[in-house]
N, C-alpha and C. Protein backbone atom coordinates (compact mmCIF):
# COMPACT_ATOMS: atom_id res chain seq x y z
N MET A 1 -3.61 4.57 30.31
CA MET A 1 -3.36 3.46 29.40
C MET A 1 -3.76 3.90 27.99
N ASP A 2 -2.94 3.48 26.99
CA ASP A 2 -3.21 3.82 25.60
C ASP A 2 -4.42 3.07 25.08
N ASP A 3 -5.17 3.73 24.20
CA ASP A 3 -6.30 3.12 23.52
C ASP A 3 -5.78 2.03 22.58
N PRO A 4 -6.29 0.79 22.68
CA PRO A 4 -5.78 -0.29 21.82
C PRO A 4 -5.87 0.02 20.33
N LEU A 5 -6.93 0.70 19.89
CA LEU A 5 -7.05 1.03 18.47
C LEU A 5 -5.99 2.03 18.05
N ASN A 6 -5.64 2.96 18.94
CA ASN A 6 -4.58 3.91 18.67
C ASN A 6 -3.24 3.18 18.56
N LEU A 7 -3.00 2.24 19.46
CA LEU A 7 -1.77 1.44 19.40
C LEU A 7 -1.72 0.63 18.12
N ASP A 8 -2.85 0.02 17.74
CA ASP A 8 -2.89 -0.75 16.49
C ASP A 8 -2.50 0.12 15.31
N GLY A 9 -3.05 1.33 15.26
CA GLY A 9 -2.72 2.26 14.18
C GLY A 9 -1.25 2.64 14.18
N ARG A 10 -0.70 2.84 15.36
CA ARG A 10 0.72 3.21 15.48
C ARG A 10 1.64 2.08 15.00
N PHE A 11 1.34 0.86 15.43
CA PHE A 11 2.19 -0.26 15.01
C PHE A 11 1.98 -0.59 13.53
N MET A 12 0.76 -0.38 13.04
CA MET A 12 0.53 -0.61 11.60
C MET A 12 1.30 0.43 10.78
N GLN A 13 1.46 1.61 11.33
CA GLN A 13 2.26 2.63 10.63
C GLN A 13 3.68 2.12 10.42
N GLU A 14 4.24 1.45 11.41
CA GLU A 14 5.59 0.89 11.25
C GLU A 14 5.57 -0.24 10.22
N ALA A 15 4.54 -1.04 10.21
CA ALA A 15 4.42 -2.09 9.19
C ALA A 15 4.34 -1.45 7.80
N LEU A 16 3.63 -0.34 7.68
CA LEU A 16 3.57 0.38 6.40
C LEU A 16 4.93 0.92 5.99
N ARG A 17 5.72 1.37 6.94
CA ARG A 17 7.10 1.82 6.63
C ARG A 17 7.88 0.66 6.02
N GLN A 18 7.71 -0.51 6.61
CA GLN A 18 8.39 -1.70 6.08
C GLN A 18 7.88 -2.03 4.68
N ALA A 19 6.57 -1.91 4.47
CA ALA A 19 5.99 -2.19 3.15
C ALA A 19 6.56 -1.24 2.10
N ARG A 20 6.77 0.01 2.47
CA ARG A 20 7.36 0.98 1.53
C ARG A 20 8.79 0.61 1.19
N ARG A 21 9.50 0.02 2.13
CA ARG A 21 10.86 -0.46 1.84
C ARG A 21 10.79 -1.58 0.80
N ALA A 22 9.80 -2.46 0.93
CA ALA A 22 9.62 -3.51 -0.07
C ALA A 22 9.30 -2.89 -1.43
N TYR A 23 8.41 -1.93 -1.44
CA TYR A 23 8.03 -1.23 -2.68
C TYR A 23 9.26 -0.64 -3.36
N ASP A 24 10.10 0.04 -2.57
CA ASP A 24 11.32 0.66 -3.10
C ASP A 24 12.30 -0.37 -3.65
N ALA A 25 12.22 -1.60 -3.16
CA ALA A 25 13.09 -2.68 -3.61
C ALA A 25 12.43 -3.51 -4.72
N ALA A 26 11.30 -3.03 -5.25
CA ALA A 26 10.54 -3.72 -6.31
C ALA A 26 10.00 -5.07 -5.84
N GLU A 27 9.74 -5.17 -4.55
CA GLU A 27 9.10 -6.35 -3.97
C GLU A 27 7.63 -6.03 -3.75
N VAL A 28 6.79 -7.04 -3.67
CA VAL A 28 5.39 -6.81 -3.34
C VAL A 28 5.38 -6.10 -1.99
N PRO A 29 4.72 -4.94 -1.90
CA PRO A 29 4.84 -4.10 -0.70
C PRO A 29 4.01 -4.59 0.49
N VAL A 30 4.60 -5.53 1.19
CA VAL A 30 4.02 -6.02 2.44
C VAL A 30 5.07 -5.85 3.52
N GLY A 31 4.63 -5.30 4.65
CA GLY A 31 5.51 -5.12 5.78
C GLY A 31 4.88 -5.72 7.03
N ALA A 32 5.72 -6.11 7.98
CA ALA A 32 5.23 -6.73 9.21
C ALA A 32 6.09 -6.33 10.39
N VAL A 33 5.45 -6.23 11.56
CA VAL A 33 6.17 -6.04 12.81
C VAL A 33 5.56 -6.97 13.85
N VAL A 34 6.40 -7.42 14.77
CA VAL A 34 5.94 -8.23 15.90
C VAL A 34 6.16 -7.41 17.15
N VAL A 35 5.11 -7.33 17.97
CA VAL A 35 5.13 -6.49 19.17
C VAL A 35 4.92 -7.36 20.40
N ARG A 36 5.73 -7.08 21.41
CA ARG A 36 5.61 -7.76 22.71
C ARG A 36 5.76 -6.70 23.79
N GLY A 37 4.80 -6.63 24.67
CA GLY A 37 4.87 -5.68 25.77
C GLY A 37 4.97 -4.24 25.31
N GLY A 38 4.34 -3.90 24.19
CA GLY A 38 4.36 -2.54 23.68
C GLY A 38 5.62 -2.16 22.93
N LYS A 39 6.52 -3.12 22.71
CA LYS A 39 7.77 -2.84 22.00
C LYS A 39 7.89 -3.73 20.77
N ILE A 40 8.43 -3.17 19.70
CA ILE A 40 8.65 -3.94 18.48
C ILE A 40 9.88 -4.81 18.68
N ILE A 41 9.71 -6.12 18.48
CA ILE A 41 10.83 -7.05 18.64
C ILE A 41 11.19 -7.73 17.33
N GLY A 42 10.44 -7.45 16.28
CA GLY A 42 10.74 -7.99 14.96
C GLY A 42 10.09 -7.10 13.92
N ARG A 43 10.81 -6.84 12.84
CA ARG A 43 10.25 -6.05 11.74
C ARG A 43 10.89 -6.50 10.45
N ALA A 44 10.08 -6.53 9.39
CA ALA A 44 10.61 -6.98 8.10
C ALA A 44 9.68 -6.58 6.98
N PHE A 45 10.19 -6.70 5.77
CA PHE A 45 9.41 -6.48 4.56
C PHE A 45 9.65 -7.66 3.63
N ASN A 46 8.77 -7.83 2.67
CA ASN A 46 8.92 -8.91 1.70
C ASN A 46 10.29 -8.83 1.04
N GLN A 47 10.95 -9.99 0.94
CA GLN A 47 12.27 -10.05 0.31
C GLN A 47 12.40 -11.28 -0.57
N VAL A 48 11.29 -11.71 -1.14
CA VAL A 48 11.27 -12.91 -1.99
C VAL A 48 12.25 -12.77 -3.15
N GLU A 49 12.18 -11.67 -3.87
CA GLU A 49 13.06 -11.46 -5.03
C GLU A 49 14.49 -11.18 -4.60
N LEU A 50 14.66 -10.36 -3.57
CA LEU A 50 16.01 -10.02 -3.11
C LEU A 50 16.80 -11.25 -2.65
N LEU A 51 16.11 -12.12 -1.90
CA LEU A 51 16.77 -13.30 -1.35
C LEU A 51 16.62 -14.54 -2.23
N LYS A 52 15.80 -14.42 -3.30
CA LYS A 52 15.50 -15.57 -4.16
C LYS A 52 14.99 -16.73 -3.32
N ASP A 53 14.01 -16.40 -2.45
CA ASP A 53 13.47 -17.35 -1.48
C ASP A 53 11.96 -17.15 -1.39
N ALA A 54 11.21 -18.14 -1.84
CA ALA A 54 9.74 -18.05 -1.85
C ALA A 54 9.15 -17.91 -0.45
N THR A 55 9.91 -18.27 0.58
CA THR A 55 9.40 -18.16 1.95
C THR A 55 9.76 -16.84 2.62
N ALA A 56 10.40 -15.93 1.91
CA ALA A 56 10.87 -14.68 2.52
C ALA A 56 9.78 -13.62 2.54
N HIS A 57 8.60 -14.01 3.02
CA HIS A 57 7.51 -13.05 3.22
C HIS A 57 7.81 -12.22 4.46
N ALA A 58 7.24 -11.04 4.51
CA ALA A 58 7.47 -10.13 5.63
C ALA A 58 7.15 -10.80 6.97
N GLU A 59 6.02 -11.51 7.02
CA GLU A 59 5.62 -12.14 8.28
C GLU A 59 6.64 -13.17 8.74
N MET A 60 7.11 -14.00 7.82
CA MET A 60 8.07 -15.06 8.16
C MET A 60 9.37 -14.46 8.70
N LEU A 61 9.85 -13.42 8.03
CA LEU A 61 11.10 -12.78 8.45
C LEU A 61 10.94 -12.07 9.79
N ALA A 62 9.81 -11.41 10.00
CA ALA A 62 9.57 -10.72 11.27
C ALA A 62 9.42 -11.71 12.42
N LEU A 63 8.72 -12.83 12.16
CA LEU A 63 8.57 -13.86 13.20
C LEU A 63 9.93 -14.44 13.59
N THR A 64 10.77 -14.71 12.60
CA THR A 64 12.11 -15.25 12.88
C THR A 64 12.92 -14.27 13.72
N GLN A 65 12.85 -13.00 13.37
CA GLN A 65 13.57 -11.97 14.14
C GLN A 65 13.04 -11.89 15.57
N ALA A 66 11.73 -11.96 15.73
CA ALA A 66 11.12 -11.89 17.06
C ALA A 66 11.51 -13.10 17.91
N GLN A 67 11.52 -14.27 17.30
CA GLN A 67 11.91 -15.48 18.03
C GLN A 67 13.35 -15.38 18.51
N SER A 68 14.19 -14.80 17.68
CA SER A 68 15.58 -14.59 18.08
C SER A 68 15.67 -13.61 19.24
N ALA A 69 14.87 -12.55 19.20
CA ALA A 69 14.88 -11.55 20.28
C ALA A 69 14.39 -12.13 21.60
N VAL A 70 13.38 -13.02 21.52
CA VAL A 70 12.80 -13.63 22.71
C VAL A 70 13.66 -14.79 23.21
N GLY A 71 14.36 -15.44 22.30
CA GLY A 71 15.15 -16.61 22.66
C GLY A 71 14.31 -17.87 22.75
N ASP A 72 13.19 -17.88 22.04
CA ASP A 72 12.29 -19.03 22.05
C ASP A 72 11.45 -18.97 20.79
N TRP A 73 11.00 -20.13 20.31
CA TRP A 73 10.14 -20.16 19.13
C TRP A 73 8.70 -19.79 19.46
N ARG A 74 8.34 -19.83 20.73
CA ARG A 74 6.98 -19.50 21.15
C ARG A 74 6.83 -18.00 21.31
N LEU A 75 5.81 -17.45 20.68
CA LEU A 75 5.53 -16.01 20.77
C LEU A 75 4.14 -15.79 21.34
N THR A 76 3.85 -16.48 22.44
CA THR A 76 2.50 -16.53 23.00
C THR A 76 1.95 -15.18 23.46
N ASP A 77 2.82 -14.24 23.78
CA ASP A 77 2.36 -12.93 24.26
C ASP A 77 2.65 -11.83 23.25
N CYS A 78 2.69 -12.21 21.98
CA CYS A 78 3.05 -11.26 20.92
C CYS A 78 1.89 -11.01 19.95
N THR A 79 1.94 -9.86 19.31
CA THR A 79 1.00 -9.49 18.26
C THR A 79 1.77 -9.24 16.98
N LEU A 80 1.28 -9.84 15.89
CA LEU A 80 1.85 -9.61 14.57
C LEU A 80 1.00 -8.56 13.86
N TYR A 81 1.62 -7.50 13.39
CA TYR A 81 0.97 -6.48 12.57
C TYR A 81 1.48 -6.64 11.16
N VAL A 82 0.58 -6.77 10.19
CA VAL A 82 0.99 -6.97 8.81
C VAL A 82 0.05 -6.20 7.89
N THR A 83 0.61 -5.62 6.84
CA THR A 83 -0.16 -4.73 5.98
C THR A 83 -1.15 -5.46 5.07
N LYS A 84 -0.95 -6.75 4.86
CA LYS A 84 -1.86 -7.55 4.01
C LYS A 84 -2.20 -8.83 4.75
N GLU A 85 -3.42 -9.27 4.60
CA GLU A 85 -3.86 -10.51 5.24
C GLU A 85 -2.87 -11.64 4.94
N PRO A 86 -2.42 -12.36 5.97
CA PRO A 86 -1.43 -13.42 5.76
C PRO A 86 -1.92 -14.53 4.81
N CYS A 87 -0.97 -15.06 4.04
CA CYS A 87 -1.23 -16.20 3.16
C CYS A 87 -1.25 -17.47 4.01
N PRO A 88 -1.61 -18.61 3.44
CA PRO A 88 -1.63 -19.85 4.22
C PRO A 88 -0.28 -20.22 4.84
N MET A 89 0.83 -20.00 4.12
CA MET A 89 2.14 -20.32 4.68
C MET A 89 2.41 -19.49 5.94
N CYS A 90 2.17 -18.20 5.83
CA CYS A 90 2.44 -17.30 6.96
C CYS A 90 1.47 -17.56 8.12
N ALA A 91 0.21 -17.80 7.79
CA ALA A 91 -0.78 -18.11 8.84
C ALA A 91 -0.38 -19.39 9.57
N GLY A 92 0.09 -20.37 8.84
CA GLY A 92 0.54 -21.61 9.47
C GLY A 92 1.69 -21.35 10.43
N ALA A 93 2.63 -20.51 10.03
CA ALA A 93 3.76 -20.17 10.91
C ALA A 93 3.29 -19.42 12.15
N VAL A 94 2.32 -18.52 11.97
CA VAL A 94 1.78 -17.75 13.09
C VAL A 94 1.13 -18.68 14.11
N VAL A 95 0.37 -19.66 13.63
CA VAL A 95 -0.27 -20.63 14.52
C VAL A 95 0.81 -21.47 15.21
N HIS A 96 1.79 -21.91 14.43
CA HIS A 96 2.83 -22.78 15.00
C HIS A 96 3.61 -22.08 16.11
N CYS A 97 3.90 -20.79 15.95
CA CYS A 97 4.65 -20.09 17.00
C CYS A 97 3.74 -19.51 18.07
N ARG A 98 2.44 -19.75 17.91
CA ARG A 98 1.43 -19.42 18.92
C ARG A 98 1.31 -17.93 19.23
N CYS A 99 1.36 -17.10 18.19
CA CYS A 99 1.10 -15.66 18.40
C CYS A 99 -0.28 -15.48 19.00
N ALA A 100 -0.39 -14.55 19.90
CA ALA A 100 -1.68 -14.30 20.54
C ALA A 100 -2.66 -13.62 19.60
N ARG A 101 -2.13 -12.73 18.75
CA ARG A 101 -3.02 -11.87 17.97
C ARG A 101 -2.37 -11.51 16.64
N VAL A 102 -3.21 -11.36 15.61
CA VAL A 102 -2.77 -10.88 14.30
C VAL A 102 -3.64 -9.70 13.93
N VAL A 103 -2.99 -8.61 13.53
CA VAL A 103 -3.67 -7.39 13.08
C VAL A 103 -3.21 -7.15 11.65
N PHE A 104 -4.18 -7.04 10.73
CA PHE A 104 -3.77 -6.77 9.35
C PHE A 104 -4.58 -5.63 8.75
N GLY A 105 -4.04 -5.07 7.67
CA GLY A 105 -4.66 -3.95 6.99
C GLY A 105 -5.52 -4.38 5.82
N ALA A 106 -4.89 -4.70 4.70
CA ALA A 106 -5.60 -5.04 3.47
C ALA A 106 -6.09 -6.48 3.49
N PRO A 107 -7.37 -6.68 3.19
CA PRO A 107 -7.87 -8.06 3.10
C PRO A 107 -7.41 -8.70 1.80
N ASP A 108 -7.39 -10.03 1.77
CA ASP A 108 -7.04 -10.78 0.57
C ASP A 108 -8.09 -11.87 0.38
N PRO A 109 -9.22 -11.53 -0.27
CA PRO A 109 -10.31 -12.51 -0.41
C PRO A 109 -9.95 -13.73 -1.25
N LYS A 110 -8.94 -13.63 -2.12
CA LYS A 110 -8.56 -14.76 -2.97
C LYS A 110 -7.54 -15.69 -2.32
N GLY A 111 -6.65 -15.14 -1.50
CA GLY A 111 -5.58 -15.97 -0.97
C GLY A 111 -5.30 -15.80 0.51
N GLY A 112 -6.09 -15.00 1.19
CA GLY A 112 -5.85 -14.74 2.61
C GLY A 112 -6.27 -15.91 3.48
N ALA A 113 -5.52 -16.12 4.54
CA ALA A 113 -5.79 -17.24 5.45
C ALA A 113 -6.14 -16.77 6.85
N ALA A 114 -6.72 -15.55 6.92
CA ALA A 114 -7.19 -15.01 8.21
C ALA A 114 -8.64 -14.58 8.06
N GLY A 115 -9.38 -15.33 7.25
CA GLY A 115 -10.79 -15.04 7.04
C GLY A 115 -11.14 -14.70 5.61
N GLY A 116 -10.14 -14.45 4.76
CA GLY A 116 -10.38 -14.12 3.35
C GLY A 116 -10.86 -15.35 2.59
N ALA A 117 -9.91 -16.11 2.07
CA ALA A 117 -10.25 -17.35 1.36
C ALA A 117 -10.50 -18.49 2.35
N LEU A 118 -9.81 -18.47 3.47
CA LEU A 118 -9.98 -19.44 4.54
C LEU A 118 -9.47 -18.82 5.84
N ASN A 119 -9.62 -19.52 6.95
CA ASN A 119 -9.17 -18.98 8.23
C ASN A 119 -8.36 -20.03 8.98
N LEU A 120 -7.06 -20.06 8.69
CA LEU A 120 -6.18 -20.98 9.40
C LEU A 120 -5.86 -20.49 10.81
N LEU A 121 -5.98 -19.19 11.02
CA LEU A 121 -5.64 -18.64 12.34
C LEU A 121 -6.61 -19.07 13.43
N GLN A 122 -7.80 -19.49 13.02
CA GLN A 122 -8.80 -19.93 14.01
C GLN A 122 -9.39 -21.29 13.61
N PHE A 123 -8.59 -22.09 12.94
CA PHE A 123 -9.06 -23.40 12.49
C PHE A 123 -9.28 -24.31 13.69
N PRO A 124 -10.47 -24.87 13.81
CA PRO A 124 -10.85 -25.56 15.06
C PRO A 124 -10.00 -26.77 15.45
N THR A 125 -9.40 -27.47 14.50
CA THR A 125 -8.63 -28.67 14.87
C THR A 125 -7.15 -28.39 15.13
N LEU A 126 -6.69 -27.18 14.88
CA LEU A 126 -5.28 -26.87 15.15
C LEU A 126 -5.09 -26.62 16.64
N ASN A 127 -3.83 -26.73 17.09
CA ASN A 127 -3.53 -26.64 18.52
C ASN A 127 -3.56 -25.22 19.08
N HIS A 128 -3.70 -24.21 18.22
CA HIS A 128 -3.70 -22.83 18.69
C HIS A 128 -4.60 -22.00 17.78
N ARG A 129 -5.24 -21.01 18.36
CA ARG A 129 -6.05 -20.05 17.60
C ARG A 129 -5.64 -18.64 18.02
N CYS A 130 -5.58 -17.75 17.03
CA CYS A 130 -5.17 -16.37 17.25
C CYS A 130 -6.38 -15.45 17.21
N GLU A 131 -6.32 -14.42 17.99
CA GLU A 131 -7.30 -13.35 17.87
C GLU A 131 -6.95 -12.58 16.59
N ILE A 132 -7.97 -12.15 15.86
CA ILE A 132 -7.75 -11.43 14.59
C ILE A 132 -8.42 -10.06 14.66
N THR A 133 -7.67 -9.03 14.26
CA THR A 133 -8.23 -7.70 14.06
C THR A 133 -7.90 -7.31 12.63
N SER A 134 -8.92 -7.06 11.83
CA SER A 134 -8.70 -6.73 10.42
C SER A 134 -9.06 -5.29 10.12
N GLY A 135 -8.56 -4.79 9.01
CA GLY A 135 -8.94 -3.47 8.51
C GLY A 135 -8.23 -2.29 9.14
N VAL A 136 -7.16 -2.51 9.88
CA VAL A 136 -6.43 -1.40 10.49
C VAL A 136 -5.61 -0.71 9.41
N ARG A 137 -5.90 0.56 9.18
CA ARG A 137 -5.25 1.38 8.14
C ARG A 137 -5.38 0.70 6.77
N SER A 138 -6.53 0.07 6.59
CA SER A 138 -6.81 -0.71 5.39
C SER A 138 -6.65 0.09 4.10
N GLU A 139 -7.14 1.30 4.09
CA GLU A 139 -7.08 2.10 2.86
C GLU A 139 -5.64 2.35 2.44
N GLU A 140 -4.77 2.70 3.38
CA GLU A 140 -3.36 2.95 3.05
C GLU A 140 -2.68 1.67 2.56
N CYS A 141 -2.96 0.57 3.24
CA CYS A 141 -2.35 -0.71 2.86
C CYS A 141 -2.81 -1.14 1.47
N THR A 142 -4.10 -1.03 1.21
CA THR A 142 -4.67 -1.42 -0.07
C THR A 142 -4.17 -0.53 -1.19
N THR A 143 -4.11 0.77 -0.95
CA THR A 143 -3.64 1.72 -1.96
C THR A 143 -2.21 1.40 -2.39
N LEU A 144 -1.35 1.10 -1.44
CA LEU A 144 0.04 0.78 -1.75
C LEU A 144 0.13 -0.47 -2.62
N LEU A 145 -0.64 -1.49 -2.28
CA LEU A 145 -0.64 -2.72 -3.09
C LEU A 145 -1.19 -2.46 -4.49
N ARG A 146 -2.29 -1.74 -4.59
CA ARG A 146 -2.88 -1.44 -5.91
C ARG A 146 -1.92 -0.64 -6.78
N GLN A 147 -1.26 0.34 -6.18
CA GLN A 147 -0.30 1.16 -6.93
C GLN A 147 0.83 0.27 -7.46
N PHE A 148 1.35 -0.59 -6.62
CA PHE A 148 2.44 -1.48 -7.03
C PHE A 148 2.01 -2.38 -8.18
N PHE A 149 0.88 -3.05 -8.04
CA PHE A 149 0.44 -3.98 -9.09
C PHE A 149 0.04 -3.24 -10.36
N GLY A 150 -0.49 -2.04 -10.25
CA GLY A 150 -0.79 -1.24 -11.43
C GLY A 150 0.48 -0.91 -12.20
N GLU A 151 1.52 -0.51 -11.47
CA GLU A 151 2.81 -0.22 -12.11
C GLU A 151 3.41 -1.47 -12.73
N GLN A 152 3.27 -2.61 -12.06
CA GLN A 152 3.81 -3.86 -12.61
C GLN A 152 3.10 -4.24 -13.90
N ARG A 153 1.77 -4.08 -13.93
CA ARG A 153 1.02 -4.39 -15.16
C ARG A 153 1.45 -3.48 -16.30
N THR A 154 1.62 -2.18 -16.02
CA THR A 154 2.05 -1.23 -17.04
C THR A 154 3.44 -1.60 -17.55
N LEU A 155 4.34 -1.92 -16.66
CA LEU A 155 5.70 -2.31 -17.03
C LEU A 155 5.68 -3.58 -17.87
N ASN A 156 4.93 -4.59 -17.43
CA ASN A 156 4.85 -5.85 -18.18
C ASN A 156 4.27 -5.63 -19.56
N ARG A 157 3.25 -4.80 -19.66
CA ARG A 157 2.62 -4.50 -20.95
C ARG A 157 3.64 -3.83 -21.87
N ALA A 158 4.38 -2.86 -21.35
CA ALA A 158 5.39 -2.15 -22.15
C ALA A 158 6.48 -3.11 -22.61
N LEU A 159 6.91 -3.99 -21.74
CA LEU A 159 7.94 -4.97 -22.11
C LEU A 159 7.44 -5.91 -23.20
N ARG A 160 6.21 -6.35 -23.06
CA ARG A 160 5.62 -7.25 -24.05
C ARG A 160 5.53 -6.57 -25.41
N LEU A 161 5.07 -5.33 -25.40
CA LEU A 161 4.92 -4.60 -26.67
C LEU A 161 6.27 -4.31 -27.32
N SER A 162 7.26 -4.01 -26.52
CA SER A 162 8.57 -3.68 -27.09
C SER A 162 9.30 -4.92 -27.61
N SER A 163 8.93 -6.11 -27.15
CA SER A 163 9.61 -7.33 -27.59
C SER A 163 8.82 -8.13 -28.62
N THR A 164 7.64 -7.64 -29.03
CA THR A 164 6.82 -8.35 -30.00
C THR A 164 6.96 -7.68 -31.36
N PRO A 165 7.70 -8.34 -32.29
CA PRO A 165 7.83 -7.73 -33.62
C PRO A 165 6.49 -7.79 -34.36
N ARG A 166 6.10 -6.67 -34.95
CA ARG A 166 4.84 -6.60 -35.69
C ARG A 166 5.05 -5.89 -37.01
N VAL A 167 4.25 -6.28 -37.96
CA VAL A 167 4.22 -5.59 -39.23
C VAL A 167 3.16 -4.50 -39.10
N ALA A 168 3.49 -3.32 -39.55
CA ALA A 168 2.56 -2.20 -39.42
C ALA A 168 1.20 -2.55 -40.00
N GLY A 169 0.15 -2.27 -39.23
CA GLY A 169 -1.22 -2.48 -39.68
C GLY A 169 -1.71 -3.91 -39.60
N SER A 170 -0.93 -4.83 -39.05
CA SER A 170 -1.40 -6.22 -38.97
C SER A 170 -1.79 -6.58 -37.56
N ASN A 171 -2.67 -7.52 -37.45
CA ASN A 171 -3.07 -8.05 -36.16
C ASN A 171 -2.30 -9.34 -35.91
N PRO A 172 -2.14 -9.74 -34.67
CA PRO A 172 -1.49 -11.02 -34.40
C PRO A 172 -2.28 -12.15 -35.06
N PRO A 173 -1.60 -13.24 -35.45
CA PRO A 173 -2.29 -14.36 -36.09
C PRO A 173 -3.43 -14.87 -35.23
N GLY A 174 -4.57 -15.10 -35.86
CA GLY A 174 -5.73 -15.65 -35.15
C GLY A 174 -6.34 -14.68 -34.17
N GLY A 175 -5.92 -13.41 -34.21
CA GLY A 175 -6.48 -12.43 -33.29
C GLY A 175 -6.02 -12.62 -31.85
N PHE A 176 -4.98 -13.42 -31.64
CA PHE A 176 -4.49 -13.69 -30.28
C PHE A 176 -3.94 -12.42 -29.64
N LYS A 177 -4.35 -12.19 -28.43
CA LYS A 177 -3.82 -11.07 -27.65
C LYS A 177 -3.28 -11.66 -26.35
N PRO A 178 -2.03 -11.34 -26.03
CA PRO A 178 -1.48 -11.89 -24.78
C PRO A 178 -2.31 -11.46 -23.58
N GLU A 179 -2.43 -12.36 -22.63
CA GLU A 179 -3.17 -12.05 -21.40
C GLU A 179 -2.33 -11.18 -20.50
N THR A 180 -3.01 -10.36 -19.72
CA THR A 180 -2.32 -9.59 -18.70
C THR A 180 -2.01 -10.54 -17.55
N PRO A 181 -0.75 -10.60 -17.15
CA PRO A 181 -0.43 -11.52 -16.05
C PRO A 181 -1.16 -11.15 -14.77
N GLY A 182 -1.55 -12.15 -14.00
CA GLY A 182 -2.24 -11.91 -12.73
C GLY A 182 -1.29 -11.40 -11.69
N GLU A 183 -1.83 -10.91 -10.61
CA GLU A 183 -1.01 -10.42 -9.51
C GLU A 183 -0.50 -11.61 -8.72
N PRO A 184 0.82 -11.66 -8.49
CA PRO A 184 1.33 -12.75 -7.67
C PRO A 184 0.87 -12.58 -6.23
N ASP A 185 0.87 -13.68 -5.47
CA ASP A 185 0.48 -13.61 -4.06
C ASP A 185 1.40 -12.67 -3.29
N ARG A 186 2.64 -12.72 -3.59
CA ARG A 186 3.62 -11.86 -2.91
C ARG A 186 4.63 -11.38 -3.88
């Protein structure tokens, strides 16, 4: 029998492949796979910008694909592997479809709903609770996200500077300096 930690690493590798597809498409690089019986039955990457759909997170798309493969909305014997801790929307969907387990890489202390900012996956009054395994291939997942957001900040800064007319040697009125935009959730 395969070592569960080895399997987690293997399936997270596929989630990372999906995250790189998101990165290549200029989407926040999050990837997800759903596994049942040792086989991937759903895989996806963030497609919020591509589909112009705020709900097109990797987890949501992978869950939908898995439900189609199973022929049921219940995924009681499935594990979701995702490169970043799920947000509240995705965690809610995971609970609703009754996934047995969630494995994630990068933590999200500000917006994560699997123990980061809150824990919807094990919320005591909900009808289902998921087992959680965190930190699988965390460094790779975190590095990809940091690289993406670093590039986005650099790009945004360059765009701002190129579109702001200035007189040589002058400061903006009142010393105002535009803020660096924050990192979006997805």
